[in-house]
């Protein structure tokens, strides 16, 4: 991530899940309503060029899973339908309970929906080459690293999410650049 931040040809886009925002706000004594702007300030101070909240992508996932569910009900599809939002859960099903795979929703997780949206819509809207766009997710769970590396999330060899940082790794980045959270507005 630091290599991308320090590469002048790269536009580094970060998006953060709700849980890391809450953890960071609590750790640094911020009120809940201050969490999003505070974390965006931290990310800007580290060197991210653009910052998004991926609650938007969680809403997309809910809408897509609901549409898929209603379609399954209407057409007599495989029921019950299980969410595909959590890569740890999907991994467990794939490895331990493969008979349940048809019950998983076909929808991407919020992380992967956000990455795909940034790599398609944002890149197109702002005229950014995919070679020059580096997308980073900040999430609470290690399983999202494995998810981002899955081959189905790298259409034409270009990953939807280039790097995944846990909350702890993000805080370690803050320490590495000697960022004073109290100085961030």
C-alpha atoms as a PDB file:
ATOM      1  CA  UNK A   1       0.000   0.000   0.000  1.00  0.00           C
ATOM      2  CA  UNK A   2       2.846   2.371   0.817  1.00  0.00           C
ATOM      3  CA  UNK A   3       4.453   1.611  -2.565  1.00  0.00           C
ATOM      4  CA  UNK A   4       1.203   2.609  -4.309  1.00  0.00           C
ATOM      5  CA  UNK A   5       0.807   5.733  -2.148  1.00  0.00           C
ATOM      6  CA  UNK A   6       4.356   6.795  -3.022  1.00  0.00           C
ATOM      7  CA  UNK A   7       3.974   6.060  -6.744  1.00  0.00           C
ATOM      8  CA  UNK A   8       3.080   9.356  -8.445  1.00  0.00           C
ATOM      9  CA  UNK A   9       1.389   7.470 -11.297  1.00  0.00           C
ATOM     10  CA  UNK A  10      -1.095   5.755  -8.944  1.00  0.00           C
ATOM     11  CA  UNK A  11      -4.414   7.077  -7.736  1.00  0.00           C
ATOM     12  CA  UNK A  12      -4.951   5.307  -4.417  1.00  0.00           C
ATOM     13  CA  UNK A  13      -8.588   4.876  -3.462  1.00  0.00           C
ATOM     14  CA  UNK A  14      -9.440   3.590  -0.017  1.00  0.00           C
ATOM     15  CA  UNK A  15     -12.750   2.525   1.363  1.00  0.00           C
ATOM     16  CA  UNK A  16     -13.518   1.666   4.925  1.00  0.00           C
ATOM     17  CA  UNK A  17     -16.078  -0.641   6.497  1.00  0.00           C
ATOM     18  CA  UNK A  18     -18.256   0.520   9.402  1.00  0.00           C
ATOM     19  CA  UNK A  19     -16.531  -1.614  12.071  1.00  0.00           C
ATOM     20  CA  UNK A  20     -13.027  -0.125  11.640  1.00  0.00           C
ATOM     21  CA  UNK A  21     -14.524   3.368  11.797  1.00  0.00           C
ATOM     22  CA  UNK A  22     -16.147   2.524  15.118  1.00  0.00           C
ATOM     23  CA  UNK A  23     -12.974   0.966  16.529  1.00  0.00           C
ATOM     24  CA  UNK A  24     -10.791   3.900  15.476  1.00  0.00           C
ATOM     25  CA  UNK A  25     -13.267   6.462  16.806  1.00  0.00           C
ATOM     26  CA  UNK A  26     -13.519   4.674  20.158  1.00  0.00           C
ATOM     27  CA  UNK A  27      -9.735   4.252  20.434  1.00  0.00           C
ATOM     28  CA  UNK A  28      -9.118   7.950  19.843  1.00  0.00           C
ATOM     29  CA  UNK A  29     -12.065   9.264  21.885  1.00  0.00           C
ATOM     30  CA  UNK A  30     -14.265  10.422  19.018  1.00  0.00           C
ATOM     31  CA  UNK A  31     -18.054  10.504  19.140  1.00  0.00           C
ATOM     32  CA  UNK A  32     -19.888   8.141  16.770  1.00  0.00           C
ATOM     33  CA  UNK A  33     -20.951  11.026  14.536  1.00  0.00           C
ATOM     34  CA  UNK A  34     -17.290  12.070  14.236  1.00  0.00           C
ATOM     35  CA  UNK A  35     -16.085   8.609  13.179  1.00  0.00           C
ATOM     36  CA  UNK A  36     -16.421   8.897   9.394  1.00  0.00           C
ATOM     37  CA  UNK A  37     -14.776  12.303   8.934  1.00  0.00           C
ATOM     38  CA  UNK A  38     -12.070  11.400  11.471  1.00  0.00           C
ATOM     39  CA  UNK A  39     -11.137   8.175   9.675  1.00  0.00           C
ATOM     40  CA  UNK A  40     -11.228   9.961   6.309  1.00  0.00           C
ATOM     41  CA  UNK A  41      -8.803  12.498   7.781  1.00  0.00           C
ATOM     42  CA  UNK A  42      -6.508   9.711   8.973  1.00  0.00           C
ATOM     43  CA  UNK A  43      -6.569   8.142   5.517  1.00  0.00           C
ATOM     44  CA  UNK A  44      -5.821  11.483   3.825  1.00  0.00           C
ATOM     45  CA  UNK A  45      -2.931  12.069   6.233  1.00  0.00           C
ATOM     46  CA  UNK A  46      -1.457   8.666   5.362  1.00  0.00           C
ATOM     47  CA  UNK A  47      -1.690   9.474   1.658  1.00  0.00           C
ATOM     48  CA  UNK A  48      -4.906   8.069   0.217  1.00  0.00           C
ATOM     49  CA  UNK A  49      -6.073  10.145  -2.761  1.00  0.00           C
ATOM     50  CA  UNK A  50      -9.796   9.325  -2.565  1.00  0.00           C
ATOM     51  CA  UNK A  51     -11.794   7.891   0.314  1.00  0.00           C
ATOM     52  CA  UNK A  52     -15.163   6.174   0.280  1.00  0.00           C
ATOM     53  CA  UNK A  53     -17.436   4.600   2.859  1.00  0.00           C
ATOM     54  CA  UNK A  54     -18.559   1.207   1.709  1.00  0.00           C
ATOM     55  CA  UNK A  55     -21.894   1.245   3.495  1.00  0.00           C
ATOM     56  CA  UNK A  56     -23.154   2.093  -0.001  1.00  0.00           C
ATOM     57  CA  UNK A  57     -21.920  -1.298  -1.200  1.00  0.00           C
ATOM     58  CA  UNK A  58     -23.580  -3.035   1.751  1.00  0.00           C
ATOM     59  CA  UNK A  59     -26.854  -1.511   0.574  1.00  0.00           C
ATOM     60  CA  UNK A  60     -26.149  -2.775  -2.960  1.00  0.00           C
ATOM     61  CA  UNK A  61     -25.547  -6.264  -1.600  1.00  0.00           C
ATOM     62  CA  UNK A  62     -28.809  -6.204   0.357  1.00  0.00           C
ATOM     63  CA  UNK A  63     -30.716  -5.069  -2.733  1.00  0.00           C
ATOM     64  CA  UNK A  64     -29.101  -7.719  -4.943  1.00  0.00           C
ATOM     65  CA  UNK A  65     -29.604 -10.520  -2.425  1.00  0.00           C
ATOM     66  CA  UNK A  66     -33.243  -9.487  -1.969  1.00  0.00           C
ATOM     67  CA  UNK A  67     -33.787  -9.486  -5.729  1.00  0.00           C
ATOM     68  CA  UNK A  68     -32.166 -12.917  -5.987  1.00  0.00           C
ATOM     69  CA  UNK A  69     -34.293 -14.215  -3.100  1.00  0.00           C
ATOM     70  CA  UNK A  70     -37.530 -12.946  -4.656  1.00  0.00           C
ATOM     71  CA  UNK A  71     -36.525 -14.513  -7.969  1.00  0.00           C
ATOM     72  CA  UNK A  72     -35.812 -17.840  -6.257  1.00  0.00           C
ATOM     73  CA  UNK A  73     -39.201 -17.728  -4.536  1.00  0.00           C
ATOM     74  CA  UNK A  74     -41.002 -16.865  -7.802  1.00  0.00           C
ATOM     75  CA  UNK A  75     -39.241 -19.547  -9.857  1.00  0.00           C
ATOM     76  CA  UNK A  76     -38.967 -22.326  -7.281  1.00  0.00           C
ATOM     77  CA  UNK A  77     -35.225 -21.851  -6.931  1.00  0.00           C
ATOM     78  CA  UNK A  78     -32.975 -23.403  -4.309  1.00  0.00           C
ATOM     79  CA  UNK A  79     -34.117 -22.527  -0.807  1.00  0.00           C
ATOM     80  CA  UNK A  80     -33.264 -21.499   1.774  1.00  0.00           C
ATOM     81  CA  UNK A  81     -30.964 -18.823   0.438  1.00  0.00           C
ATOM     82  CA  UNK A  82     -27.924 -17.993   2.564  1.00  0.00           C
ATOM     83  CA  UNK A  83     -26.043 -14.720   2.409  1.00  0.00           C
ATOM     84  CA  UNK A  84     -22.718 -14.472   0.631  1.00  0.00           C
ATOM     85  CA  UNK A  85     -21.659 -11.278   2.461  1.00  0.00           C
ATOM     86  CA  UNK A  86     -19.107 -12.917   4.729  1.00  0.00           C
ATOM     87  CA  UNK A  87     -16.058 -14.507   3.070  1.00  0.00           C
ATOM     88  CA  UNK A  88     -15.326 -16.544   6.205  1.00  0.00           C
ATOM     89  CA  UNK A  89     -18.795 -18.084   5.975  1.00  0.00           C
ATOM     90  CA  UNK A  90     -18.472 -18.705   2.225  1.00  0.00           C
ATOM     91  CA  UNK A  91     -15.078 -20.357   2.775  1.00  0.00           C
ATOM     92  CA  UNK A  92     -16.536 -22.592   5.498  1.00  0.00           C
ATOM     93  CA  UNK A  93     -19.390 -23.679   3.238  1.00  0.00           C
ATOM     94  CA  UNK A  94     -17.043 -24.363   0.324  1.00  0.00           C
ATOM     95  CA  UNK A  95     -14.601 -26.394   2.394  1.00  0.00           C
ATOM     96  CA  UNK A  96     -16.760 -28.138   4.986  1.00  0.00           C
ATOM     97  CA  UNK A  97     -20.325 -28.152   3.668  1.00  0.00           C
ATOM     98  CA  UNK A  98     -20.133 -28.155  -0.152  1.00  0.00           C
ATOM     99  CA  UNK A  99     -23.690 -29.478  -0.410  1.00  0.00           C
ATOM    100  CA  UNK A 100     -24.822 -26.027   0.779  1.00  0.00           C
ATOM    101  CA  UNK A 101     -23.075 -24.137  -2.040  1.00  0.00           C
ATOM    102  CA  UNK A 102     -26.252 -23.936  -4.185  1.00  0.00           C
ATOM    103  CA  UNK A 103     -27.962 -22.220  -1.247  1.00  0.00           C
ATOM    104  CA  UNK A 104     -25.428 -19.358  -1.170  1.00  0.00           C
ATOM    105  CA  UNK A 105     -26.452 -16.135  -2.801  1.00  0.00           C
ATOM    106  CA  UNK A 106     -24.558 -15.454  -6.010  1.00  0.00           C
ATOM    107  CA  UNK A 107     -23.998 -11.816  -4.942  1.00  0.00           C
ATOM    108  CA  UNK A 108     -20.581 -10.384  -4.210  1.00  0.00           C
ATOM    109  CA  UNK A 109     -19.800  -9.201  -0.700  1.00  0.00           C
ATOM    110  CA  UNK A 110     -19.913  -5.452   0.022  1.00  0.00           C
ATOM    111  CA  UNK A 111     -16.110  -5.319  -0.215  1.00  0.00           C
ATOM    112  CA  UNK A 112     -16.082  -6.863  -3.669  1.00  0.00           C
ATOM    113  CA  UNK A 113     -19.077  -4.835  -4.878  1.00  0.00           C
ATOM    114  CA  UNK A 114     -17.341  -1.651  -3.773  1.00  0.00           C
ATOM    115  CA  UNK A 115     -14.090  -2.663  -5.440  1.00  0.00           C
ATOM    116  CA  UNK A 116     -15.876  -3.505  -8.686  1.00  0.00           C
ATOM    117  CA  UNK A 117     -17.796  -0.208  -8.542  1.00  0.00           C
ATOM    118  CA  UNK A 118     -14.623   1.809  -8.037  1.00  0.00           C
ATOM    119  CA  UNK A 119     -12.786  -0.092 -10.776  1.00  0.00           C
ATOM    120  CA  UNK A 120     -15.638   0.403 -13.245  1.00  0.00           C
ATOM    121  CA  UNK A 121     -17.772   3.450 -12.448  1.00  0.00           C
ATOM    122  CA  UNK A 122     -15.255   5.657 -10.626  1.00  0.00           C
ATOM    123  CA  UNK A 123     -12.453   4.872 -13.089  1.00  0.00           C
ATOM    124  CA  UNK A 124     -14.711   5.636 -16.059  1.00  0.00           C
ATOM    125  CA  UNK A 125     -16.214   8.780 -14.545  1.00  0.00           C
ATOM    126  CA  UNK A 126     -12.818  10.267 -13.690  1.00  0.00           C
ATOM    127  CA  UNK A 127     -10.959   8.890 -16.707  1.00  0.00           C
ATOM    128  CA  UNK A 128      -8.499   6.868 -14.647  1.00  0.00           C
ATOM    129  CA  UNK A 129      -6.726   3.939 -16.287  1.00  0.00           C
ATOM    130  CA  UNK A 130      -7.103   0.705 -14.331  1.00  0.00           C
ATOM    131  CA  UNK A 131      -3.308   0.411 -14.443  1.00  0.00           C
ATOM    132  CA  UNK A 132      -3.110   3.682 -12.510  1.00  0.00           C
ATOM    133  CA  UNK A 133      -5.852   2.889  -9.988  1.00  0.00           C
ATOM    134  CA  UNK A 134      -5.012   1.119  -6.728  1.00  0.00           C
ATOM    135  CA  UNK A 135      -7.966   0.129  -4.536  1.00  0.00           C
ATOM    136  CA  UNK A 136      -7.580  -0.583  -0.812  1.00  0.00           C
ATOM    137  CA  UNK A 137     -10.236  -1.905   1.590  1.00  0.00           C
ATOM    138  CA  UNK A 138      -9.976  -1.322   5.341  1.00  0.00           C
ATOM    139  CA  UNK A 139     -11.957  -4.027   7.083  1.00  0.00           C
ATOM    140  CA  UNK A 140     -12.328  -5.780  10.431  1.00  0.00           C
ATOM    141  CA  UNK A 141     -11.734  -9.336   9.211  1.00  0.00           C
ATOM    142  CA  UNK A 142      -8.781 -11.256   7.847  1.00  0.00           C
ATOM    143  CA  UNK A 143     -11.007 -13.447   5.672  1.00  0.00           C
ATOM    144  CA  UNK A 144     -11.536 -10.483   3.357  1.00  0.00           C
ATOM    145  CA  UNK A 145      -7.862 -10.721   2.312  1.00  0.00           C
ATOM    146  CA  UNK A 146      -8.453 -14.228   0.971  1.00  0.00           C
ATOM    147  CA  UNK A 147     -11.658 -13.094  -0.692  1.00  0.00           C
ATOM    148  CA  UNK A 148      -9.964 -10.221  -2.557  1.00  0.00           C
ATOM    149  CA  UNK A 149      -7.338 -12.641  -3.894  1.00  0.00           C
ATOM    150  CA  UNK A 150      -9.877 -15.090  -5.379  1.00  0.00           C
ATOM    151  CA  UNK A 151      -9.467 -15.438  -9.144  1.00  0.00           C
ATOM    152  CA  UNK A 152     -13.153 -14.742  -9.852  1.00  0.00           C
ATOM    153  CA  UNK A 153     -12.627 -11.236  -8.445  1.00  0.00           C
ATOM    154  CA  UNK A 154      -9.895 -10.411 -10.950  1.00  0.00           C
ATOM    155  CA  UNK A 155     -11.685 -10.052 -14.284  1.00  0.00           C
ATOM    156  CA  UNK A 156      -9.145  -9.962 -17.117  1.00  0.00           C
ATOM    157  CA  UNK A 157      -6.385 -10.236 -14.509  1.00  0.00           C
ATOM    158  CA  UNK A 158      -7.287  -6.955 -12.783  1.00  0.00           C
ATOM    159  CA  UNK A 159      -8.307  -7.408  -9.161  1.00  0.00           C
ATOM    160  CA  UNK A 160     -11.399  -5.553  -7.954  1.00  0.00           C
ATOM    161  CA  UNK A 161      -9.600  -4.860  -4.659  1.00  0.00           C
ATOM    162  CA  UNK A 162      -5.812  -4.557  -4.829  1.00  0.00           C
ATOM    163  CA  UNK A 163      -5.070  -4.647  -1.103  1.00  0.00           C
ATOM    164  CA  UNK A 164      -6.941  -5.343   2.095  1.00  0.00           C
ATOM    165  CA  UNK A 165      -5.915  -3.888   5.439  1.00  0.00           C
ATOM    166  CA  UNK A 166      -7.310  -4.948   8.779  1.00  0.00           C
ATOM    167  CA  UNK A 167      -8.027  -2.273  11.361  1.00  0.00           C
ATOM    168  CA  UNK A 168      -4.837  -3.271  13.188  1.00  0.00           C
ATOM    169  CA  UNK A 169      -2.759  -2.997  10.015  1.00  0.00           C
ATOM    170  CA  UNK A 170      -4.195   0.445   9.338  1.00  0.00           C
ATOM    171  CA  UNK A 171      -3.228   1.541  12.867  1.00  0.00           C
ATOM    172  CA  UNK A 172       0.256   0.118  12.248  1.00  0.00           C
ATOM    173  CA  UNK A 173       0.471   2.282   9.110  1.00  0.00           C
ATOM    174  CA  UNK A 174      -0.421   5.284  11.253  1.00  0.00           C
ATOM    175  CA  UNK A 175       2.452   4.400  13.574  1.00  0.00           C
ATOM    176  CA  UNK A 176       4.867   3.877  10.665  1.00  0.00           C
ATOM    177  CA  UNK A 177       4.266   7.399   9.367  1.00  0.00           C
ATOM    178  CA  UNK A 178       4.216   8.753  12.923  1.00  0.00           C
ATOM    179  CA  UNK A 179       0.732  10.140  12.445  1.00  0.00           C
ATOM    180  CA  UNK A 180      -0.625  12.022  15.442  1.00  0.00           C
ATOM    181  CA  UNK A 181      -4.370  11.255  15.454  1.00  0.00           C
ATOM    182  CA  UNK A 182      -5.010  14.300  17.659  1.00  0.00           C
ATOM    183  CA  UNK A 183      -3.695  16.540  14.864  1.00  0.00           C
ATOM    184  CA  UNK A 184      -6.163  15.133  12.321  1.00  0.00           C
ATOM    185  CA  UNK A 185      -9.269  17.190  11.669  1.00  0.00           C
END
